[in-house]
Amino acid sequence: MRRKKQPPAHPFVDGNKRTAYVVCRLFLRLTGVRMTAPGPERVILFERLGNGEVTQDALAGWLRAHG
């Protein structure tokens, strides 16, 4: 019996952080919330998120503070 290949942890070869940012921002906009943080701060946060340096709770707190 052949084993099936394990799918990758991320759905895209590249662009996971950008996709996370766009989906997050879209969700916030659809619910009437706009991010107030400057662009560079957003980039840094989502880079750190993609590197596993930001927890889910920390992201939620950041979004509450900047939304």
Protein backbone atom coordinates (compact mmCIF):
# COMPACT_ATOMS: atom_id res chain seq x y z
CA MET A 1 0.00 0.00 0.00
CA ARG A 2 1.36 3.42 -0.97
CA ARG A 3 1.24 6.27 1.48
CA LYS A 4 -0.22 9.51 0.28
CA LYS A 5 2.06 12.50 0.29
CA GLN A 6 1.49 14.86 3.23
CA PRO A 7 0.10 18.22 2.07
CA PRO A 8 2.22 21.29 2.80
CA ALA A 9 1.54 23.30 5.96
CA HIS A 10 0.84 26.42 3.87
CA PRO A 11 -1.55 26.43 0.91
CA PHE A 12 0.69 28.56 -1.32
CA VAL A 13 4.32 28.21 -2.34
CA ASP A 14 4.70 31.94 -1.69
CA GLY A 15 2.40 34.71 -0.54
CA ASN A 16 0.99 33.32 2.71
CA LYS A 17 1.68 36.51 4.67
CA ARG A 18 0.21 38.71 1.95
CA THR A 19 -2.84 36.47 1.70
CA ALA A 20 -3.32 36.55 5.49
CA TYR A 21 -3.10 40.34 5.47
CA VAL A 22 -5.54 40.79 2.58
CA VAL A 23 -8.08 38.36 4.04
CA CYS A 24 -7.79 39.96 7.48
CA ARG A 25 -8.23 43.45 6.07
CA LEU A 26 -11.17 42.35 3.90
CA PHE A 27 -12.88 40.73 6.88
CA LEU A 28 -12.42 43.88 8.95
CA ARG A 29 -13.77 46.08 6.15
CA LEU A 30 -16.81 43.84 5.65
CA THR A 31 -17.57 44.19 9.36
CA GLY A 32 -17.16 47.99 9.27
CA VAL A 33 -13.69 48.20 10.84
CA ARG A 34 -10.71 50.00 9.29
CA MET A 35 -7.12 49.46 10.35
CA THR A 36 -5.57 52.62 11.74
CA ALA A 37 -1.96 51.44 12.00
CA PRO A 38 0.52 52.84 9.46
CA GLY A 39 1.43 50.58 6.54
CA PRO A 40 4.98 49.79 7.68
CA GLU A 41 3.70 48.67 11.09
CA ARG A 42 1.23 46.34 9.36
CA VAL A 43 4.00 44.84 7.25
CA ILE A 44 6.17 44.22 10.30
CA LEU A 45 3.30 42.60 12.20
CA PHE A 46 2.36 40.22 9.38
CA GLU A 47 6.01 39.35 8.73
CA ARG A 48 6.39 38.45 12.40
CA LEU A 49 3.08 36.55 12.27
CA GLY A 50 4.31 34.53 9.30
CA ASN A 51 7.54 33.72 11.14
CA GLY A 52 5.63 32.41 14.15
CA GLU A 53 6.73 35.31 16.38
CA VAL A 54 3.19 36.59 17.06
CA THR A 55 0.57 34.56 18.91
CA GLN A 56 -3.10 34.52 18.06
CA ASP A 57 -3.85 36.45 21.25
CA ALA A 58 -1.22 39.07 20.40
CA LEU A 59 -2.68 39.48 16.89
CA ALA A 60 -6.19 39.87 18.33
CA GLY A 61 -4.94 42.52 20.76
CA TRP A 62 -3.12 44.38 17.99
CA LEU A 63 -6.25 44.32 15.79
CA ARG A 64 -8.38 45.64 18.67
CA ALA A 65 -5.88 48.46 19.28
CA HIS A 66 -5.59 49.41 15.59
CA GLY A 67 -9.10 48.82 14.32
